[in-house]
PDB file of N, CA and C in Angstrom:
ATOM      1  N   MET A   1     -10.113  -0.394 -16.730  1.00  0.00           N
ATOM      2  CA  MET A   1      -9.324  -0.865 -15.740  1.00  0.00           C
ATOM      3  C   MET A   1      -8.583   0.139 -14.993  1.00  0.00           C
ATOM      4  N   PHE A   2      -8.368  -0.084 -13.678  1.00  0.00           N
ATOM      5  CA  PHE A   2      -7.751   1.034 -12.709  1.00  0.00           C
ATOM      6  C   PHE A   2      -6.701   0.319 -11.815  1.00  0.00           C
ATOM      7  N   THR A   3      -5.580   1.001 -11.594  1.00  0.00           N
ATOM      8  CA  THR A   3      -4.551   0.181 -10.745  1.00  0.00           C
ATOM      9  C   THR A   3      -4.218   1.143  -9.568  1.00  0.00           C
ATOM     10  N   VAL A   4      -4.081   0.454  -8.441  1.00  0.00           N
ATOM     11  CA  VAL A   4      -3.523   1.207  -7.134  1.00  0.00           C
ATOM     12  C   VAL A   4      -2.262   0.548  -6.936  1.00  0.00           C
ATOM     13  N   VAL A   5      -1.139   1.336  -6.640  1.00  0.00           N
ATOM     14  CA  VAL A   5       0.147   0.691  -6.527  1.00  0.00           C
ATOM     15  C   VAL A   5       0.595   1.308  -5.231  1.00  0.00           C
ATOM     16  N   VAL A   6       0.846   0.259  -4.327  1.00  0.00           N
ATOM     17  CA  VAL A   6       1.144   0.752  -2.792  1.00  0.00           C
ATOM     18  C   VAL A   6       2.438   0.319  -2.690  1.00  0.00           C
ATOM     19  N   MET A   7       3.492   1.155  -2.238  1.00  0.00           N
ATOM     20  CA  MET A   7       4.898   0.846  -2.259  1.00  0.00           C
ATOM     21  C   MET A   7       5.331   1.237  -0.689  1.00  0.00           C
ATOM     22  N   TYR A   8       5.948   0.112  -0.063  1.00  0.00           N
ATOM     23  CA  TYR A   8       6.270   0.281   1.294  1.00  0.00           C
ATOM     24  C   TYR A   8       7.835   0.602   1.245  1.00  0.00           C
ATOM     25  N   PRO A   9       8.271   1.696   1.782  1.00  0.00           N
ATOM     26  CA  PRO A   9       9.733   2.104   1.920  1.00  0.00           C
ATOM     27  C   PRO A   9      10.631   1.161   2.405  1.00  0.00           C
ATOM     28  N   ALA A  10      11.699   0.908   2.064  1.00  0.00           N
ATOM     29  CA  ALA A  10      12.746   0.082   2.759  1.00  0.00           C
ATOM     30  C   ALA A  10      13.021   0.850   3.957  1.00  0.00           C
ATOM     31  N   GLY A  11      13.523   0.025   4.896  1.00  0.00           N
ATOM     32  CA  GLY A  11      14.193   0.615   6.182  1.00  0.00           C
ATOM     33  C   GLY A  11      13.411   0.246   7.348  1.00  0.00           C
ATOM     34  N   GLY A  12      12.023   0.161   7.266  1.00  0.00           N
ATOM     35  CA  GLY A  12      11.282  -0.009   8.473  1.00  0.00           C
ATOM     36  C   GLY A  12      10.823  -1.619   8.602  1.00  0.00           C
ATOM     37  N   LYS A  13      10.057  -1.825   9.619  1.00  0.00           N
ATOM     38  CA  LYS A  13       9.662  -3.172  10.030  1.00  0.00           C
ATOM     39  C   LYS A  13       8.523  -3.365   8.991  1.00  0.00           C
ATOM     40  N   PHE A  14       8.664  -4.804   8.359  1.00  0.00           N
ATOM     41  CA  PHE A  14       7.654  -5.297   7.560  1.00  0.00           C
ATOM     42  C   PHE A  14       7.483  -6.776   7.647  1.00  0.00           C
ATOM     43  N   ASP A  15       6.370  -7.227   8.167  1.00  0.00           N
ATOM     44  CA  ASP A  15       5.983  -8.674   8.445  1.00  0.00           C
ATOM     45  C   ASP A  15       5.381  -9.222   7.143  1.00  0.00           C
ATOM     46  N   LEU A  16       6.173  -9.857   6.300  1.00  0.00           N
ATOM     47  CA  LEU A  16       5.761 -10.313   4.941  1.00  0.00           C
ATOM     48  C   LEU A  16       4.846 -11.566   5.315  1.00  0.00           C
ATOM     49  N   GLY A  17       4.984 -12.194   6.247  1.00  0.00           N
ATOM     50  CA  GLY A  17       4.279 -13.504   6.703  1.00  0.00           C
ATOM     51  C   GLY A  17       2.837 -12.834   7.069  1.00  0.00           C
ATOM     52  N   TYR A  18       2.652 -12.024   7.907  1.00  0.00           N
ATOM     53  CA  TYR A  18       1.442 -11.426   8.256  1.00  0.00           C
ATOM     54  C   TYR A  18       0.695 -10.779   7.104  1.00  0.00           C
ATOM     55  N   TYR A  19       1.529 -10.194   6.329  1.00  0.00           N
ATOM     56  CA  TYR A  19       0.941  -9.476   5.215  1.00  0.00           C
ATOM     57  C   TYR A  19       0.351 -10.234   4.285  1.00  0.00           C
ATOM     58  N   MET A  20       1.019 -11.444   3.904  1.00  0.00           N
ATOM     59  CA  MET A  20       0.473 -12.357   3.032  1.00  0.00           C
ATOM     60  C   MET A  20      -0.639 -13.205   3.471  1.00  0.00           C
ATOM     61  N   LYS A  21      -0.491 -13.726   4.760  1.00  0.00           N
ATOM     62  CA  LYS A  21      -1.340 -14.645   5.386  1.00  0.00           C
ATOM     63  C   LYS A  21      -2.777 -13.940   5.944  1.00  0.00           C
ATOM     64  N   THR A  22      -2.705 -12.566   6.359  1.00  0.00           N
ATOM     65  CA  THR A  22      -3.722 -12.091   7.015  1.00  0.00           C
ATOM     66  C   THR A  22      -4.208 -10.653   6.226  1.00  0.00           C
ATOM     67  N   HIS A  23      -3.124  -9.766   5.953  1.00  0.00           N
ATOM     68  CA  HIS A  23      -3.723  -8.536   5.500  1.00  0.00           C
ATOM     69  C   HIS A  23      -4.286  -8.701   3.971  1.00  0.00           C
ATOM     70  N   MET A  24      -3.551  -9.439   3.063  1.00  0.00           N
ATOM     71  CA  MET A  24      -4.053  -9.356   1.840  1.00  0.00           C
ATOM     72  C   MET A  24      -5.237 -10.370   1.603  1.00  0.00           C
ATOM     73  N   PRO A  25      -5.471 -11.333   2.441  1.00  0.00           N
ATOM     74  CA  PRO A  25      -6.801 -12.004   2.362  1.00  0.00           C
ATOM     75  C   PRO A  25      -7.934 -11.161   2.828  1.00  0.00           C
ATOM     76  N   LEU A  26      -7.522 -10.189   3.867  1.00  0.00           N
ATOM     77  CA  LEU A  26      -8.626  -9.351   4.394  1.00  0.00           C
ATOM     78  C   LEU A  26      -8.956  -8.342   3.116  1.00  0.00           C
ATOM     79  N   VAL A  27      -7.928  -7.749   2.544  1.00  0.00           N
ATOM     80  CA  VAL A  27      -8.167  -6.890   1.360  1.00  0.00           C
ATOM     81  C   VAL A  27      -9.061  -7.577   0.372  1.00  0.00           C
ATOM     82  N   ASP A  28      -8.741  -8.714  -0.064  1.00  0.00           N
ATOM     83  CA  ASP A  28      -9.322  -9.616  -0.987  1.00  0.00           C
ATOM     84  C   ASP A  28     -10.983  -9.802  -0.650  1.00  0.00           C
ATOM     85  N   ALA A  29     -11.157 -10.246   0.559  1.00  0.00           N
ATOM     86  CA  ALA A  29     -12.324 -10.529   1.088  1.00  0.00           C
ATOM     87  C   ALA A  29     -13.263  -9.333   1.034  1.00  0.00           C
ATOM     88  N   ARG A  30     -12.826  -8.168   1.376  1.00  0.00           N
ATOM     89  CA  ARG A  30     -13.465  -7.185   1.624  1.00  0.00           C
ATOM     90  C   ARG A  30     -13.774  -6.240   0.255  1.00  0.00           C
ATOM     91  N   TRP A  31     -12.900  -6.239  -0.492  1.00  0.00           N
ATOM     92  CA  TRP A  31     -12.873  -5.306  -1.815  1.00  0.00           C
ATOM     93  C   TRP A  31     -13.154  -6.296  -3.172  1.00  0.00           C
ATOM     94  N   ARG A  32     -13.086  -7.722  -3.085  1.00  0.00           N
ATOM     95  CA  ARG A  32     -13.179  -8.425  -4.317  1.00  0.00           C
ATOM     96  C   ARG A  32     -14.698  -8.148  -4.923  1.00  0.00           C
ATOM     97  N   GLY A  33     -15.674  -8.333  -3.949  1.00  0.00           N
ATOM     98  CA  GLY A  33     -17.026  -7.933  -4.625  1.00  0.00           C
ATOM     99  C   GLY A  33     -17.312  -6.584  -4.872  1.00  0.00           C
ATOM    100  N   LEU A  34     -16.402  -5.566  -4.633  1.00  0.00           N
ATOM    101  CA  LEU A  34     -16.576  -4.131  -4.943  1.00  0.00           C
ATOM    102  C   LEU A  34     -15.785  -3.698  -6.156  1.00  0.00           C
ATOM    103  N   GLY A  35     -15.281  -4.541  -6.801  1.00  0.00           N
ATOM    104  CA  GLY A  35     -14.623  -4.088  -8.012  1.00  0.00           C
ATOM    105  C   GLY A  35     -13.107  -4.751  -8.114  1.00  0.00           C
ATOM    106  N   LEU A  36     -12.569  -5.136  -7.043  1.00  0.00           N
ATOM    107  CA  LEU A  36     -11.135  -5.648  -7.007  1.00  0.00           C
ATOM    108  C   LEU A  36     -11.207  -6.900  -7.984  1.00  0.00           C
ATOM    109  N   LYS A  37     -10.259  -6.804  -9.006  1.00  0.00           N
ATOM    110  CA  LYS A  37     -10.173  -7.941  -9.856  1.00  0.00           C
ATOM    111  C   LYS A  37      -8.969  -8.850  -9.614  1.00  0.00           C
ATOM    112  N   ASP A  38      -7.766  -8.155  -9.198  1.00  0.00           N
ATOM    113  CA  ASP A  38      -6.575  -9.031  -9.071  1.00  0.00           C
ATOM    114  C   ASP A  38      -5.532  -8.192  -8.155  1.00  0.00           C
ATOM    115  N   TRP A  39      -4.770  -8.885  -7.590  1.00  0.00           N
ATOM    116  CA  TRP A  39      -3.634  -8.259  -6.711  1.00  0.00           C
ATOM    117  C   TRP A  39      -2.364  -9.065  -6.957  1.00  0.00           C
ATOM    118  N   THR A  40      -1.165  -8.274  -6.978  1.00  0.00           N
ATOM    119  CA  THR A  40       0.131  -8.911  -6.837  1.00  0.00           C
ATOM    120  C   THR A  40       1.019  -8.335  -5.772  1.00  0.00           C
ATOM    121  N   VAL A  41       1.800  -9.028  -5.131  1.00  0.00           N
ATOM    122  CA  VAL A  41       2.775  -8.617  -4.120  1.00  0.00           C
ATOM    123  C   VAL A  41       4.213  -8.950  -4.699  1.00  0.00           C
ATOM    124  N   THR A  42       4.908  -7.884  -4.787  1.00  0.00           N
ATOM    125  CA  THR A  42       6.400  -8.165  -5.133  1.00  0.00           C
ATOM    126  C   THR A  42       7.407  -7.788  -3.972  1.00  0.00           C
ATOM    127  N   LYS A  43       8.132  -8.750  -3.556  1.00  0.00           N
ATOM    128  CA  LYS A  43       9.123  -8.341  -2.447  1.00  0.00           C
ATOM    129  C   LYS A  43      10.378  -7.918  -3.172  1.00  0.00           C
ATOM    130  N   ILE A  44      10.908  -6.771  -2.841  1.00  0.00           N
ATOM    131  CA  ILE A  44      11.965  -6.111  -3.584  1.00  0.00           C
ATOM    132  C   ILE A  44      13.339  -6.752  -2.862  1.00  0.00           C
ATOM    133  N   ASN A  45      14.184  -7.192  -3.655  1.00  0.00           N
ATOM    134  CA  ASN A  45      15.386  -7.800  -3.032  1.00  0.00           C
ATOM    135  C   ASN A  45      16.660  -6.963  -3.300  1.00  0.00           C
ATOM    136  N   GLY A  46      16.710  -6.085  -4.158  1.00  0.00           N
ATOM    137  CA  GLY A  46      17.664  -5.167  -4.574  1.00  0.00           C
ATOM    138  C   GLY A  46      17.437  -4.140  -5.684  1.00  0.00           C
ATOM    139  N   ALA A  47      18.286  -3.371  -5.892  1.00  0.00           N
ATOM    140  CA  ALA A  47      18.287  -2.380  -7.028  1.00  0.00           C
ATOM    141  C   ALA A  47      19.743  -2.344  -7.702  1.00  0.00           C
ATOM    142  N   PRO A  48      19.681  -1.839  -8.967  1.00  0.00           N
ATOM    143  CA  PRO A  48      20.714  -1.950  -9.839  1.00  0.00           C
ATOM    144  C   PRO A  48      21.895  -1.076  -9.346  1.00  0.00           C
ATOM    145  N   ASN A  49      21.787  -0.112  -8.897  1.00  0.00           N
ATOM    146  CA  ASN A  49      22.442   0.954  -8.264  1.00  0.00           C
ATOM    147  C   ASN A  49      22.643   1.162  -6.730  1.00  0.00           C
ATOM    148  N   GLY A  50      22.388   0.178  -5.997  1.00  0.00           N
ATOM    149  CA  GLY A  50      22.494   0.329  -4.574  1.00  0.00           C
ATOM    150  C   GLY A  50      21.408  -0.281  -3.903  1.00  0.00           C
ATOM    151  N   ALA A  51      21.146   0.166  -2.825  1.00  0.00           N
ATOM    152  CA  ALA A  51      20.006  -0.204  -1.889  1.00  0.00           C
ATOM    153  C   ALA A  51      18.535   0.077  -2.551  1.00  0.00           C
ATOM    154  N   PRO A  52      17.569  -0.787  -2.286  1.00  0.00           N
ATOM    155  CA  PRO A  52      16.279  -0.547  -2.981  1.00  0.00           C
ATOM    156  C   PRO A  52      15.545   0.604  -2.153  1.00  0.00           C
ATOM    157  N   THR A  53      14.832   1.298  -2.925  1.00  0.00           N
ATOM    158  CA  THR A  53      13.918   2.266  -2.319  1.00  0.00           C
ATOM    159  C   THR A  53      12.788   1.772  -1.475  1.00  0.00           C
ATOM    160  N   TYR A  54      12.235   0.589  -1.931  1.00  0.00           N
ATOM    161  CA  TYR A  54      11.097   0.049  -1.465  1.00  0.00           C
ATOM    162  C   TYR A  54      11.346  -1.503  -1.066  1.00  0.00           C
ATOM    163  N   GLN A  55      10.658  -1.894  -0.190  1.00  0.00           N
ATOM    164  CA  GLN A  55      10.707  -3.322   0.238  1.00  0.00           C
ATOM    165  C   GLN A  55       9.691  -4.334  -0.173  1.00  0.00           C
ATOM    166  N   VAL A  56       8.488  -3.627  -0.214  1.00  0.00           N
ATOM    167  CA  VAL A  56       7.388  -4.384  -0.937  1.00  0.00           C
ATOM    168  C   VAL A  56       6.620  -3.517  -1.701  1.00  0.00           C
ATOM    169  N   ILE A  57       6.118  -3.994  -2.888  1.00  0.00           N
ATOM    170  CA  ILE A  57       5.281  -3.214  -3.767  1.00  0.00           C
ATOM    171  C   ILE A  57       4.106  -4.073  -4.134  1.00  0.00           C
ATOM    172  N   THR A  58       2.924  -3.537  -3.758  1.00  0.00           N
ATOM    173  CA  THR A  58       1.532  -4.359  -4.162  1.00  0.00           C
ATOM    174  C   THR A  58       0.862  -3.582  -5.207  1.00  0.00           C
ATOM    175  N   THR A  59       0.220  -4.295  -6.160  1.00  0.00           N
ATOM    176  CA  THR A  59      -0.429  -3.774  -7.259  1.00  0.00           C
ATOM    177  C   THR A  59      -1.886  -4.377  -7.144  1.00  0.00           C
ATOM    178  N   LEU A  60      -2.929  -3.461  -7.030  1.00  0.00           N
ATOM    179  CA  LEU A  60      -4.194  -3.909  -7.036  1.00  0.00           C
ATOM    180  C   LEU A  60      -4.761  -3.352  -8.337  1.00  0.00           C
ATOM    181  N   THR A  61      -5.763  -4.228  -9.010  1.00  0.00           N
ATOM    182  CA  THR A  61      -6.346  -3.975 -10.111  1.00  0.00           C
ATOM    183  C   THR A  61      -7.938  -3.901  -9.853  1.00  0.00           C
ATOM    184  N   PHE A  62      -8.546  -2.702 -10.278  1.00  0.00           N
ATOM    185  CA  PHE A  62      -9.988  -2.645  -9.955  1.00  0.00           C
ATOM    186  C   PHE A  62     -10.613  -2.335 -11.509  1.00  0.00           C
ATOM    187  N   ASP A  63     -11.896  -2.635 -11.493  1.00  0.00           N
ATOM    188  CA  ASP A  63     -12.759  -2.231 -12.503  1.00  0.00           C
ATOM    189  C   ASP A  63     -12.498  -0.870 -13.088  1.00  0.00           C
ATOM    190  N   SER A  64     -12.704   0.078 -11.986  1.00  0.00           N
ATOM    191  CA  SER A  64     -12.589   1.547 -12.364  1.00  0.00           C
ATOM    192  C   SER A  64     -12.177   2.263 -11.079  1.00  0.00           C
ATOM    193  N   GLY A  65     -11.855   3.527 -11.268  1.00  0.00           N
ATOM    194  CA  GLY A  65     -11.447   4.341 -10.199  1.00  0.00           C
ATOM    195  C   GLY A  65     -12.727   4.395  -9.202  1.00  0.00           C
ATOM    196  N   GLU A  66     -13.907   4.600  -9.845  1.00  0.00           N
ATOM    197  CA  GLU A  66     -14.915   4.691  -8.974  1.00  0.00           C
ATOM    198  C   GLU A  66     -15.263   3.456  -7.976  1.00  0.00           C
ATOM    199  N   SER A  67     -14.895   2.326  -8.586  1.00  0.00           N
ATOM    200  CA  SER A  67     -15.023   1.030  -7.677  1.00  0.00           C
ATOM    201  C   SER A  67     -14.073   0.920  -6.706  1.00  0.00           C
ATOM    202  N   PHE A  68     -12.875   1.522  -6.897  1.00  0.00           N
ATOM    203  CA  PHE A  68     -11.812   1.617  -5.753  1.00  0.00           C
ATOM    204  C   PHE A  68     -12.329   2.590  -4.733  1.00  0.00           C
ATOM    205  N   GLN A  69     -12.941   3.548  -5.233  1.00  0.00           N
ATOM    206  CA  GLN A  69     -13.443   4.715  -4.164  1.00  0.00           C
ATOM    207  C   GLN A  69     -14.485   4.029  -3.415  1.00  0.00           C
ATOM    208  N   LYS A  70     -15.425   3.358  -3.991  1.00  0.00           N
ATOM    209  CA  LYS A  70     -16.400   2.531  -3.346  1.00  0.00           C
ATOM    210  C   LYS A  70     -15.970   1.460  -2.354  1.00  0.00           C
ATOM    211  N   ALA A  71     -14.967   0.853  -2.758  1.00  0.00           N
ATOM    212  CA  ALA A  71     -14.416  -0.325  -1.908  1.00  0.00           C
ATOM    213  C   ALA A  71     -13.700   0.567  -0.590  1.00  0.00           C
ATOM    214  N   VAL A  72     -13.011   1.529  -0.738  1.00  0.00           N
ATOM    215  CA  VAL A  72     -12.459   2.289   0.316  1.00  0.00           C
ATOM    216  C   VAL A  72     -13.467   2.805   1.214  1.00  0.00           C
ATOM    217  N   ALA A  73     -14.532   3.516   0.752  1.00  0.00           N
ATOM    218  CA  ALA A  73     -15.569   4.056   1.509  1.00  0.00           C
ATOM    219  C   ALA A  73     -16.355   2.950   2.309  1.00  0.00           C
ATOM    220  N   ALA A  74     -16.495   1.621   1.709  1.00  0.00           N
ATOM    221  CA  ALA A  74     -16.959   0.633   2.481  1.00  0.00           C
ATOM    222  C   ALA A  74     -16.257  -0.137   3.374  1.00  0.00           C
ATOM    223  N   HIS A  75     -15.013  -0.350   3.085  1.00  0.00           N
ATOM    224  CA  HIS A  75     -14.218  -0.925   4.208  1.00  0.00           C
ATOM    225  C   HIS A  75     -12.799  -0.575   4.373  1.00  0.00           C
ATOM    226  N   GLY A  76     -12.554   0.876   4.095  1.00  0.00           N
ATOM    227  CA  GLY A  76     -11.297   1.390   4.216  1.00  0.00           C
ATOM    228  C   GLY A  76     -10.808   1.403   5.710  1.00  0.00           C
ATOM    229  N   PRO A  77     -11.643   1.719   6.530  1.00  0.00           N
ATOM    230  CA  PRO A  77     -11.217   1.982   7.889  1.00  0.00           C
ATOM    231  C   PRO A  77     -10.672   0.538   8.445  1.00  0.00           C
ATOM    232  N   GLU A  78     -11.368  -0.538   8.129  1.00  0.00           N
ATOM    233  CA  GLU A  78     -10.849  -1.838   8.581  1.00  0.00           C
ATOM    234  C   GLU A  78      -9.510  -2.307   7.779  1.00  0.00           C
ATOM    235  N   VAL A  79      -9.460  -2.038   6.651  1.00  0.00           N
ATOM    236  CA  VAL A  79      -8.309  -2.393   5.744  1.00  0.00           C
ATOM    237  C   VAL A  79      -7.124  -1.549   6.248  1.00  0.00           C
ATOM    238  N   MET A  80      -7.256  -0.235   6.413  1.00  0.00           N
ATOM    239  CA  MET A  80      -6.132   0.707   6.758  1.00  0.00           C
ATOM    240  C   MET A  80      -5.867   0.397   8.291  1.00  0.00           C
ATOM    241  N   GLY A  81      -6.827   0.033   9.065  1.00  0.00           N
ATOM    242  CA  GLY A  81      -6.644  -0.162  10.512  1.00  0.00           C
ATOM    243  C   GLY A  81      -5.614  -1.331  10.823  1.00  0.00           C
ATOM    244  N   ASP A  82      -5.532  -2.208   9.820  1.00  0.00           N
ATOM    245  CA  ASP A  82      -4.814  -3.441  10.007  1.00  0.00           C
ATOM    246  C   ASP A  82      -3.125  -3.153   9.637  1.00  0.00           C
ATOM    247  N   ILE A  83      -2.866  -1.933   9.093  1.00  0.00           N
ATOM    248  CA  ILE A  83      -1.644  -1.675   8.617  1.00  0.00           C
ATOM    249  C   ILE A  83      -0.627  -1.750   9.772  1.00  0.00           C
ATOM    250  N   PRO A  84      -0.859  -1.207  10.970  1.00  0.00           N
ATOM    251  CA  PRO A  84       0.061  -1.326  11.916  1.00  0.00           C
ATOM    252  C   PRO A  84       0.527  -2.648  12.474  1.00  0.00           C
ATOM    253  N   ASN A  85      -0.359  -3.557  12.135  1.00  0.00           N
ATOM    254  CA  ASN A  85      -0.106  -4.882  12.525  1.00  0.00           C
ATOM    255  C   ASN A  85       1.197  -5.491  11.535  1.00  0.00           C
ATOM    256  N   PHE A  86       1.522  -4.929  10.542  1.00  0.00           N
ATOM    257  CA  PHE A  86       2.652  -5.555   9.682  1.00  0.00           C
ATOM    258  C   PHE A  86       3.676  -4.569   9.452  1.00  0.00           C
ATOM    259  N   THR A  87       3.598  -3.212   9.586  1.00  0.00           N
ATOM    260  CA  THR A  87       4.524  -2.266   9.204  1.00  0.00           C
ATOM    261  C   THR A  87       4.382  -1.023   9.994  1.00  0.00           C
ATOM    262  N   ASP A  88       5.796  -0.291  10.120  1.00  0.00           N
ATOM    263  CA  ASP A  88       5.755   0.881  10.950  1.00  0.00           C
ATOM    264  C   ASP A  88       6.200   2.041   9.755  1.00  0.00           C
ATOM    265  N   VAL A  89       6.176   1.651   8.641  1.00  0.00           N
ATOM    266  CA  VAL A  89       6.511   2.680   7.465  1.00  0.00           C
ATOM    267  C   VAL A  89       5.305   3.281   6.977  1.00  0.00           C
ATOM    268  N   GLN A  90       5.334   4.561   6.432  1.00  0.00           N
ATOM    269  CA  GLN A  90       4.255   5.092   5.624  1.00  0.00           C
ATOM    270  C   GLN A  90       4.272   4.737   4.290  1.00  0.00           C
ATOM    271  N   ALA A  91       3.340   3.938   3.627  1.00  0.00           N
ATOM    272  CA  ALA A  91       3.197   3.648   2.383  1.00  0.00           C
ATOM    273  C   ALA A  91       3.094   4.806   1.375  1.00  0.00           C
ATOM    274  N   VAL A  92       3.483   4.587   0.197  1.00  0.00           N
ATOM    275  CA  VAL A  92       3.297   5.645  -0.897  1.00  0.00           C
ATOM    276  C   VAL A  92       2.329   4.854  -1.795  1.00  0.00           C
ATOM    277  N   MET A  93       1.255   5.635  -2.131  1.00  0.00           N
ATOM    278  CA  MET A  93       0.140   5.016  -2.901  1.00  0.00           C
ATOM    279  C   MET A  93       0.135   5.845  -4.286  1.00  0.00           C
ATOM    280  N   GLN A  94       0.078   5.240  -5.509  1.00  0.00           N
ATOM    281  CA  GLN A  94       0.047   5.771  -6.634  1.00  0.00           C
ATOM    282  C   GLN A  94      -1.432   5.138  -7.354  1.00  0.00           C
ATOM    283  N   LEU A  95      -2.119   6.080  -8.047  1.00  0.00           N
ATOM    284  CA  LEU A  95      -3.343   5.678  -8.847  1.00  0.00           C
ATOM    285  C   LEU A  95      -3.041   5.809 -10.279  1.00  0.00           C
ATOM    286  N   GLY A  96      -3.455   4.805 -10.984  1.00  0.00           N
ATOM    287  CA  GLY A  96      -3.401   4.952 -12.467  1.00  0.00           C
ATOM    288  C   GLY A  96      -4.208   4.143 -13.392  1.00  0.00           C
ATOM    289  N   GLU A  97      -3.979   4.269 -14.654  1.00  0.00           N
ATOM    290  CA  GLU A  97      -4.644   3.361 -15.525  1.00  0.00           C
ATOM    291  C   GLU A  97      -3.793   2.566 -16.585  1.00  0.00           C
ATOM    292  N   PRO A  98      -3.931   1.441 -16.596  1.00  0.00           N
ATOM    293  CA  PRO A  98      -2.953   0.718 -17.563  1.00  0.00           C
ATOM    294  C   PRO A  98      -3.040   1.258 -18.885  1.00  0.00           C
ATOM    295  N   VAL A  99      -1.836   1.390 -19.654  1.00  0.00           N
ATOM    296  CA  VAL A  99      -1.843   1.835 -21.068  1.00  0.00           C
ATOM    297  C   VAL A  99      -1.434   0.674 -21.886  1.00  0.00           C
ATOM    298  N   ALA A 100      -0.749  -0.311 -21.609  1.00  0.00           N
ATOM    299  CA  ALA A 100      -0.279  -1.336 -22.348  1.00  0.00           C
ATOM    300  C   ALA A 100       0.167  -2.485 -21.472  1.00  0.00           C
ATOM    301  N   ALA A 101       0.068  -3.611 -22.089  1.00  0.00           N
ATOM    302  CA  ALA A 101       0.409  -4.858 -21.298  1.00  0.00           C
ATOM    303  C   ALA A 101       1.294  -5.843 -22.345  1.00  0.00           C
TER     304      ALA A 101
END
């Protein structure tokens, strides 16, 4: 398994309705057949010691790092091209492997 964590910093525009109704269905439709297994979206409401660092965090689970690379190669421009439709912030992306659940 391979995870892609996409974190959208707090403070900028973020249209959660568009993200959930349009962007994530696009991601699912384009990448599901290329190794995407599951995804979750978390809306961050607060942090223990002040304002949250991120407003939305999305976790994508793929079969492997190679399947993620193939998905991006096949449909990355379309998926990434949709980003300005829901946010004006630069997302932070982290790649990894689950070690426990």
